């Protein structure tokens, strides 16, 4: 394998970091078609609530997100994004994630927005990212919760 230049590694790290942030933004905007486009066609999503039963393929991932209650909004805060470049076509990414949710069926609290609902969760993403038809995409995403605070 040919060693990657510093510039090539930096470009891969930037692309994979952007991929993680774009996935969080698409989820929070409820742009689930945009979210699943960030996965390879046969990509897998291992959810925190069913880690042994991955969603396999874009259709399964899309159906799962479309089944979420439309009045539930989320905000994902991603930090500590660490990219480990394995090759010009493959990288692993670990990310800390803090997730907040609210229910829009209730009125917002003036200028403060909707009150938080349910648990506040801190989790992690472990991603396998691959270069797929000229774009970096998730081949696998393992999501897990690490801590929570009851709402």
N, C-alpha and C. Protein backbone atom coordinates (compact mmCIF):
# COMPACT_ATOMS: atom_id res chain seq x y z
N UNK A 1 0.84 -1.18 0.00
CA UNK A 1 0.00 0.00 0.00
C UNK A 1 0.89 1.24 0.00
N UNK A 2 0.53 2.20 -0.81
CA UNK A 2 1.27 3.45 -0.89
C UNK A 2 0.91 4.33 0.31
N UNK A 3 1.93 4.93 0.91
CA UNK A 3 1.69 5.83 2.03
C UNK A 3 0.95 7.07 1.54
N UNK A 4 0.02 7.53 2.36
CA UNK A 4 -0.74 8.73 2.00
C UNK A 4 0.02 9.96 2.43
N UNK A 5 -0.06 11.00 1.63
CA UNK A 5 0.57 12.26 1.98
C UNK A 5 -0.19 12.90 3.15
N UNK A 6 0.46 13.83 3.80
CA UNK A 6 -0.18 14.57 4.89
C UNK A 6 -1.46 15.25 4.38
N UNK A 7 -1.40 15.82 3.17
CA UNK A 7 -2.55 16.51 2.60
C UNK A 7 -3.70 15.55 2.32
N UNK A 8 -3.38 14.35 1.83
CA UNK A 8 -4.43 13.35 1.55
C UNK A 8 -5.10 12.90 2.85
N UNK A 9 -4.31 12.65 3.89
CA UNK A 9 -4.86 12.27 5.19
C UNK A 9 -5.75 13.38 5.75
N UNK A 10 -5.29 14.61 5.65
CA UNK A 10 -6.07 15.74 6.15
C UNK A 10 -7.39 15.87 5.40
N UNK A 11 -7.37 15.65 4.10
CA UNK A 11 -8.60 15.74 3.29
C UNK A 11 -9.58 14.64 3.70
N UNK A 12 -9.08 13.43 3.96
CA UNK A 12 -9.95 12.33 4.39
C UNK A 12 -10.53 12.62 5.77
N UNK A 13 -9.69 13.11 6.68
CA UNK A 13 -10.18 13.46 8.02
C UNK A 13 -11.27 14.52 7.94
N UNK A 14 -11.07 15.53 7.10
CA UNK A 14 -12.07 16.59 6.96
C UNK A 14 -13.37 16.04 6.36
N UNK A 15 -13.26 15.20 5.34
CA UNK A 15 -14.44 14.64 4.69
C UNK A 15 -15.23 13.75 5.66
N UNK A 16 -14.53 12.96 6.45
CA UNK A 16 -15.21 12.06 7.39
C UNK A 16 -15.83 12.84 8.55
N UNK A 17 -15.16 13.88 9.00
CA UNK A 17 -15.72 14.73 10.05
C UNK A 17 -17.00 15.39 9.53
N UNK A 18 -16.94 15.88 8.31
CA UNK A 18 -18.13 16.50 7.70
C UNK A 18 -19.26 15.50 7.56
N UNK A 19 -18.94 14.25 7.22
CA UNK A 19 -19.94 13.20 7.09
C UNK A 19 -20.68 13.01 8.41
N UNK A 20 -19.96 12.94 9.51
CA UNK A 20 -20.57 12.79 10.84
C UNK A 20 -21.49 13.97 11.13
N UNK A 21 -21.01 15.18 10.87
CA UNK A 21 -21.82 16.38 11.16
C UNK A 21 -23.03 16.49 10.23
N UNK A 22 -22.87 16.10 8.97
CA UNK A 22 -24.01 16.12 8.04
C UNK A 22 -25.08 15.12 8.47
N UNK A 23 -24.67 13.98 8.98
CA UNK A 23 -25.64 12.98 9.45
C UNK A 23 -26.43 13.52 10.64
N UNK A 24 -25.75 14.18 11.58
CA UNK A 24 -26.44 14.76 12.73
C UNK A 24 -27.42 15.84 12.27
N UNK A 25 -26.98 16.70 11.36
CA UNK A 25 -27.85 17.77 10.86
C UNK A 25 -29.06 17.22 10.12
N UNK A 26 -28.86 16.21 9.28
CA UNK A 26 -29.99 15.62 8.54
C UNK A 26 -30.98 14.99 9.51
N UNK A 27 -30.49 14.31 10.52
CA UNK A 27 -31.37 13.69 11.52
C UNK A 27 -32.18 14.76 12.23
N UNK A 28 -31.53 15.82 12.66
CA UNK A 28 -32.23 16.87 13.40
C UNK A 28 -33.21 17.66 12.54
N UNK A 29 -32.97 17.74 11.25
CA UNK A 29 -33.90 18.41 10.32
C UNK A 29 -35.01 17.47 9.87
N UNK A 30 -34.94 16.22 10.29
CA UNK A 30 -35.86 15.16 9.86
C UNK A 30 -35.78 14.96 8.34
N UNK A 31 -34.60 15.17 7.80
CA UNK A 31 -34.32 14.90 6.39
C UNK A 31 -33.77 13.47 6.29
N UNK A 32 -34.67 12.52 6.44
CA UNK A 32 -34.23 11.13 6.52
C UNK A 32 -33.75 10.59 5.18
N UNK A 33 -34.28 11.11 4.07
CA UNK A 33 -33.76 10.71 2.76
C UNK A 33 -32.32 11.19 2.62
N UNK A 34 -32.06 12.41 3.09
CA UNK A 34 -30.70 12.93 3.06
C UNK A 34 -29.77 12.14 3.97
N UNK A 35 -30.28 11.71 5.11
CA UNK A 35 -29.48 10.90 6.03
C UNK A 35 -29.08 9.58 5.39
N UNK A 36 -30.04 8.87 4.82
CA UNK A 36 -29.71 7.54 4.28
C UNK A 36 -28.81 7.64 3.06
N UNK A 37 -28.83 8.76 2.36
CA UNK A 37 -27.91 8.95 1.23
C UNK A 37 -26.46 9.01 1.69
N UNK A 38 -26.24 9.24 2.98
CA UNK A 38 -24.89 9.28 3.54
C UNK A 38 -24.34 7.88 3.83
N UNK A 39 -25.18 6.86 3.65
CA UNK A 39 -24.78 5.47 3.82
C UNK A 39 -24.53 4.85 2.45
N UNK A 40 -23.66 3.85 2.38
CA UNK A 40 -23.53 3.09 1.15
C UNK A 40 -24.85 2.37 0.92
N UNK A 41 -25.15 1.93 -0.30
CA UNK A 41 -26.42 1.25 -0.54
C UNK A 41 -26.66 0.06 0.39
N UNK A 42 -25.60 -0.65 0.75
CA UNK A 42 -25.74 -1.80 1.64
C UNK A 42 -25.25 -1.49 3.06
N UNK A 43 -25.18 -0.21 3.40
CA UNK A 43 -24.70 0.21 4.71
C UNK A 43 -25.54 -0.36 5.83
N UNK A 44 -24.92 -0.46 7.00
CA UNK A 44 -25.60 -1.01 8.16
C UNK A 44 -25.58 -0.01 9.30
N UNK A 45 -26.70 0.05 10.02
CA UNK A 45 -26.83 0.90 11.19
C UNK A 45 -27.17 0.01 12.38
N UNK A 46 -26.27 -0.01 13.35
CA UNK A 46 -26.47 -0.75 14.59
C UNK A 46 -26.97 0.24 15.63
N UNK A 47 -28.24 0.13 16.00
CA UNK A 47 -28.87 1.08 16.92
C UNK A 47 -28.56 0.72 18.38
N UNK A 48 -28.59 1.71 19.26
CA UNK A 48 -28.32 1.44 20.67
C UNK A 48 -29.34 0.50 21.29
N UNK A 49 -30.57 0.55 20.82
CA UNK A 49 -31.64 -0.26 21.41
C UNK A 49 -31.72 -1.67 20.84
N UNK A 50 -30.97 -1.93 19.76
CA UNK A 50 -30.98 -3.28 19.14
C UNK A 50 -29.61 -3.54 18.51
N UNK A 51 -28.55 -3.58 19.33
CA UNK A 51 -27.20 -3.67 18.76
C UNK A 51 -26.90 -4.98 18.02
N UNK A 52 -27.69 -6.00 18.25
CA UNK A 52 -27.46 -7.29 17.59
C UNK A 52 -28.28 -7.44 16.31
N UNK A 53 -29.14 -6.46 16.04
CA UNK A 53 -30.03 -6.52 14.88
C UNK A 53 -29.85 -5.27 14.03
N UNK A 54 -28.82 -5.22 13.19
CA UNK A 54 -28.59 -4.00 12.42
C UNK A 54 -29.66 -3.77 11.37
N UNK A 55 -29.88 -2.50 11.09
CA UNK A 55 -30.68 -2.13 9.92
C UNK A 55 -29.73 -2.23 8.74
N UNK A 56 -30.09 -3.04 7.76
CA UNK A 56 -29.20 -3.29 6.63
C UNK A 56 -29.78 -2.68 5.36
N UNK A 57 -29.05 -1.75 4.79
CA UNK A 57 -29.46 -1.11 3.55
C UNK A 57 -30.23 0.18 3.78
N UNK A 58 -30.20 1.02 2.76
CA UNK A 58 -30.84 2.33 2.88
C UNK A 58 -32.34 2.25 3.14
N UNK A 59 -33.02 1.29 2.50
CA UNK A 59 -34.47 1.20 2.69
C UNK A 59 -34.83 0.90 4.14
N UNK A 60 -34.10 -0.01 4.77
CA UNK A 60 -34.39 -0.36 6.17
C UNK A 60 -34.08 0.81 7.10
N UNK A 61 -33.00 1.51 6.84
CA UNK A 61 -32.64 2.67 7.67
C UNK A 61 -33.69 3.76 7.52
N UNK A 62 -34.10 4.01 6.27
CA UNK A 62 -35.11 5.04 6.02
C UNK A 62 -36.43 4.69 6.70
N UNK A 63 -36.87 3.45 6.59
CA UNK A 63 -38.14 3.05 7.21
C UNK A 63 -38.10 3.24 8.72
N UNK A 64 -36.98 2.93 9.33
CA UNK A 64 -36.85 3.10 10.78
C UNK A 64 -36.98 4.56 11.19
N UNK A 65 -36.31 5.45 10.47
CA UNK A 65 -36.39 6.87 10.81
C UNK A 65 -37.77 7.45 10.48
N UNK A 66 -38.39 7.01 9.42
CA UNK A 66 -39.72 7.52 9.08
C UNK A 66 -40.77 7.08 10.09
N UNK A 67 -40.50 6.02 10.83
CA UNK A 67 -41.43 5.54 11.85
C UNK A 67 -41.37 6.37 13.14
N UNK A 68 -40.40 7.25 13.24
CA UNK A 68 -40.31 8.10 14.44
C UNK A 68 -41.48 9.07 14.49
N UNK A 69 -41.92 9.43 15.69
CA UNK A 69 -43.00 10.42 15.79
C UNK A 69 -42.56 11.76 15.19
N UNK A 70 -43.37 12.31 14.31
CA UNK A 70 -43.02 13.56 13.62
C UNK A 70 -42.91 14.74 14.57
N UNK A 71 -43.63 14.69 15.70
CA UNK A 71 -43.59 15.82 16.64
C UNK A 71 -42.36 15.76 17.55
N UNK A 72 -41.55 14.71 17.45
CA UNK A 72 -40.33 14.61 18.26
C UNK A 72 -39.19 15.27 17.50
N UNK A 73 -38.60 16.28 18.11
CA UNK A 73 -37.44 16.91 17.50
C UNK A 73 -36.21 16.61 18.36
N UNK A 74 -35.07 16.56 17.70
CA UNK A 74 -33.83 16.27 18.41
C UNK A 74 -32.75 17.27 18.01
N UNK A 75 -31.76 17.32 18.85
CA UNK A 75 -30.53 18.03 18.54
C UNK A 75 -29.38 17.15 19.01
N UNK A 76 -28.50 16.84 18.06
CA UNK A 76 -27.32 16.02 18.32
C UNK A 76 -26.10 16.94 18.39
N UNK A 77 -25.37 16.88 19.49
CA UNK A 77 -24.14 17.65 19.65
C UNK A 77 -22.98 16.66 19.56
N UNK A 78 -22.18 16.80 18.53
CA UNK A 78 -21.08 15.87 18.27
C UNK A 78 -19.76 16.51 18.69
N UNK A 79 -18.93 15.73 19.38
CA UNK A 79 -17.64 16.24 19.80
C UNK A 79 -16.62 15.09 19.81
N UNK A 80 -15.39 15.46 20.08
CA UNK A 80 -14.30 14.48 20.19
C UNK A 80 -14.26 13.56 18.98
N UNK A 81 -14.46 14.13 17.80
CA UNK A 81 -14.44 13.35 16.56
C UNK A 81 -12.99 12.99 16.25
N UNK A 82 -12.73 11.71 16.19
CA UNK A 82 -11.38 11.22 15.92
C UNK A 82 -11.43 10.30 14.70
N UNK A 83 -10.66 10.65 13.69
CA UNK A 83 -10.63 9.90 12.44
C UNK A 83 -9.32 9.13 12.37
N UNK A 84 -9.44 7.84 12.13
CA UNK A 84 -8.26 6.99 11.93
C UNK A 84 -8.27 6.54 10.47
N UNK A 85 -7.42 7.12 9.67
CA UNK A 85 -7.35 6.80 8.25
C UNK A 85 -6.64 5.46 8.09
N UNK A 86 -7.31 4.52 7.44
CA UNK A 86 -6.72 3.20 7.21
C UNK A 86 -6.14 3.08 5.81
N UNK A 87 -6.76 3.78 4.86
CA UNK A 87 -6.28 3.77 3.48
C UNK A 87 -6.93 4.93 2.75
N UNK A 88 -6.65 5.05 1.47
CA UNK A 88 -7.24 6.13 0.68
C UNK A 88 -8.75 5.95 0.50
N UNK A 89 -9.25 4.75 0.80
CA UNK A 89 -10.68 4.46 0.61
C UNK A 89 -11.39 4.04 1.89
N UNK A 90 -10.72 4.10 3.05
CA UNK A 90 -11.32 3.55 4.26
C UNK A 90 -10.80 4.29 5.50
N UNK A 91 -11.74 4.63 6.40
CA UNK A 91 -11.38 5.29 7.65
C UNK A 91 -12.37 4.88 8.73
N UNK A 92 -11.90 4.90 9.95
CA UNK A 92 -12.76 4.66 11.12
C UNK A 92 -12.87 5.96 11.89
N UNK A 93 -14.10 6.24 12.37
CA UNK A 93 -14.35 7.49 13.07
C UNK A 93 -15.06 7.19 14.38
N UNK A 94 -14.57 7.78 15.46
CA UNK A 94 -15.27 7.69 16.74
C UNK A 94 -15.71 9.09 17.14
N UNK A 95 -16.93 9.18 17.67
CA UNK A 95 -17.53 10.48 18.00
C UNK A 95 -18.31 10.35 19.30
N UNK A 96 -18.18 11.36 20.16
CA UNK A 96 -19.06 11.46 21.32
C UNK A 96 -20.29 12.24 20.87
N UNK A 97 -21.46 11.84 21.39
CA UNK A 97 -22.72 12.47 20.98
C UNK A 97 -23.58 12.73 22.21
N UNK A 98 -24.08 13.96 22.31
CA UNK A 98 -25.06 14.27 23.32
C UNK A 98 -26.37 14.56 22.59
N UNK A 99 -27.45 13.90 23.02
CA UNK A 99 -28.73 14.00 22.32
C UNK A 99 -29.78 14.61 23.25
N UNK A 100 -30.44 15.65 22.76
CA UNK A 100 -31.55 16.27 23.46
C UNK A 100 -32.80 16.12 22.59
N UNK A 101 -33.96 15.97 23.22
CA UNK A 101 -35.21 15.83 22.47
C UNK A 101 -36.30 16.69 23.10
N UNK A 102 -37.26 17.05 22.27
CA UNK A 102 -38.44 17.79 22.73
C UNK A 102 -39.63 17.30 21.93
N UNK A 103 -40.82 17.57 22.46
CA UNK A 103 -42.06 17.15 21.83
C UNK A 103 -42.81 18.41 21.41
N UNK A 104 -43.00 18.58 20.09
CA UNK A 104 -43.62 19.81 19.59
C UNK A 104 -45.14 19.79 19.66
N UNK A 105 -45.73 18.73 20.21
CA UNK A 105 -47.19 18.76 20.35
C UNK A 105 -47.62 19.73 21.45
N UNK A 106 -46.66 20.13 22.28
CA UNK A 106 -46.92 21.14 23.30
C UNK A 106 -46.40 22.48 22.81
N UNK A 107 -46.92 23.55 23.37
CA UNK A 107 -46.51 24.89 22.95
C UNK A 107 -45.08 25.18 23.40
N UNK A 108 -44.34 25.92 22.57
CA UNK A 108 -43.00 26.34 23.02
C UNK A 108 -43.11 27.30 24.20
N UNK A 109 -42.06 27.38 24.97
CA UNK A 109 -42.00 28.23 26.15
C UNK A 109 -41.44 29.59 25.75
N UNK A 110 -42.29 30.39 25.09
CA UNK A 110 -41.89 31.71 24.66
C UNK A 110 -40.64 31.67 23.79
N UNK A 111 -39.71 32.55 24.08
CA UNK A 111 -38.48 32.64 23.31
C UNK A 111 -37.50 31.50 23.62
N UNK A 112 -37.83 30.69 24.62
CA UNK A 112 -36.92 29.63 25.05
C UNK A 112 -37.12 28.33 24.28
N UNK A 113 -38.13 28.25 23.43
CA UNK A 113 -38.37 27.04 22.66
C UNK A 113 -39.10 25.97 23.45
N UNK A 114 -39.07 24.76 22.93
CA UNK A 114 -39.78 23.66 23.56
C UNK A 114 -39.00 23.13 24.76
N UNK A 115 -39.72 22.74 25.81
CA UNK A 115 -39.02 22.14 26.94
C UNK A 115 -38.47 20.76 26.56
N UNK A 116 -37.34 20.43 27.14
CA UNK A 116 -36.76 19.12 26.89
C UNK A 116 -37.70 18.03 27.40
N UNK A 117 -37.75 16.94 26.69
CA UNK A 117 -38.61 15.81 27.05
C UNK A 117 -37.76 14.56 27.18
N UNK A 118 -38.14 13.73 28.11
CA UNK A 118 -37.48 12.44 28.23
C UNK A 118 -36.05 12.56 28.73
N UNK A 119 -35.28 11.58 28.39
CA UNK A 119 -33.90 11.50 28.85
C UNK A 119 -32.97 12.37 28.02
N UNK A 120 -31.96 12.87 28.69
CA UNK A 120 -30.82 13.46 28.01
C UNK A 120 -29.78 12.36 27.94
N UNK A 121 -29.26 12.09 26.75
CA UNK A 121 -28.38 10.94 26.58
C UNK A 121 -27.02 11.35 26.05
N UNK A 122 -26.02 10.64 26.52
CA UNK A 122 -24.67 10.79 26.00
C UNK A 122 -24.29 9.44 25.43
N UNK A 123 -23.83 9.46 24.20
CA UNK A 123 -23.49 8.22 23.53
C UNK A 123 -22.27 8.35 22.67
N UNK A 124 -22.08 7.35 21.85
CA UNK A 124 -20.93 7.29 20.95
C UNK A 124 -21.37 6.74 19.61
N UNK A 125 -20.70 7.20 18.57
CA UNK A 125 -20.78 6.59 17.25
C UNK A 125 -19.42 6.00 16.95
N UNK A 126 -19.41 4.78 16.48
CA UNK A 126 -18.21 4.17 15.90
C UNK A 126 -18.57 3.87 14.45
N UNK A 127 -17.91 4.57 13.55
CA UNK A 127 -18.26 4.50 12.14
C UNK A 127 -17.13 3.90 11.31
N UNK A 128 -17.52 3.10 10.33
CA UNK A 128 -16.62 2.68 9.26
C UNK A 128 -17.04 3.47 8.04
N UNK A 129 -16.16 4.33 7.56
CA UNK A 129 -16.44 5.18 6.41
C UNK A 129 -15.62 4.70 5.23
N UNK A 130 -16.24 4.71 4.06
CA UNK A 130 -15.55 4.26 2.85
C UNK A 130 -15.80 5.26 1.72
N UNK A 131 -14.85 5.28 0.80
CA UNK A 131 -15.01 6.10 -0.39
C UNK A 131 -15.88 5.32 -1.36
N UNK A 132 -17.05 5.87 -1.68
CA UNK A 132 -18.06 5.18 -2.49
C UNK A 132 -18.46 6.09 -3.64
N UNK A 133 -18.07 5.75 -4.84
CA UNK A 133 -18.41 6.52 -6.04
C UNK A 133 -18.03 8.00 -5.87
N UNK A 134 -16.83 8.23 -5.34
CA UNK A 134 -16.31 9.58 -5.21
C UNK A 134 -16.73 10.34 -3.98
N UNK A 135 -17.55 9.74 -3.11
CA UNK A 135 -18.00 10.42 -1.90
C UNK A 135 -17.77 9.51 -0.69
N UNK A 136 -17.46 10.11 0.44
CA UNK A 136 -17.31 9.35 1.67
C UNK A 136 -18.68 9.06 2.25
N UNK A 137 -18.91 7.79 2.61
CA UNK A 137 -20.20 7.36 3.15
C UNK A 137 -19.96 6.38 4.30
N UNK A 138 -21.02 6.18 5.07
CA UNK A 138 -20.97 5.19 6.13
C UNK A 138 -21.20 3.79 5.55
N UNK A 139 -20.30 2.89 5.80
CA UNK A 139 -20.53 1.47 5.49
C UNK A 139 -21.16 0.81 6.71
N UNK A 140 -20.75 1.27 7.90
CA UNK A 140 -21.32 0.79 9.16
C UNK A 140 -21.32 1.93 10.16
N UNK A 141 -22.40 2.00 10.92
CA UNK A 141 -22.45 2.92 12.06
C UNK A 141 -22.94 2.13 13.25
N UNK A 142 -22.13 2.13 14.31
CA UNK A 142 -22.51 1.52 15.58
C UNK A 142 -22.79 2.66 16.55
N UNK A 143 -24.05 2.77 16.98
CA UNK A 143 -24.45 3.82 17.92
C UNK A 143 -24.75 3.17 19.26
N UNK A 144 -24.27 3.79 20.32
CA UNK A 144 -24.56 3.25 21.65
C UNK A 144 -24.69 4.40 22.65
N UNK A 145 -25.52 4.15 23.67
CA UNK A 145 -25.65 5.09 24.77
C UNK A 145 -24.65 4.70 25.85
N UNK A 146 -24.07 5.69 26.48
CA UNK A 146 -23.10 5.47 27.54
C UNK A 146 -23.64 5.95 28.88
N UNK A 147 -24.33 7.10 28.87
CA UNK A 147 -24.89 7.70 30.09
C UNK A 147 -26.21 8.37 29.74
N UNK A 148 -27.04 8.59 30.78
CA UNK A 148 -28.26 9.34 30.56
C UNK A 148 -28.70 10.01 31.86
N UNK A 149 -29.55 11.00 31.69
CA UNK A 149 -30.21 11.65 32.81
C UNK A 149 -31.71 11.55 32.52
N UNK A 150 -32.46 11.05 33.47
CA UNK A 150 -33.92 10.95 33.28
C UNK A 150 -34.53 12.34 33.22
N UNK A 151 -35.59 12.44 32.39
CA UNK A 151 -36.22 13.74 32.16
C UNK A 151 -37.21 14.13 33.15
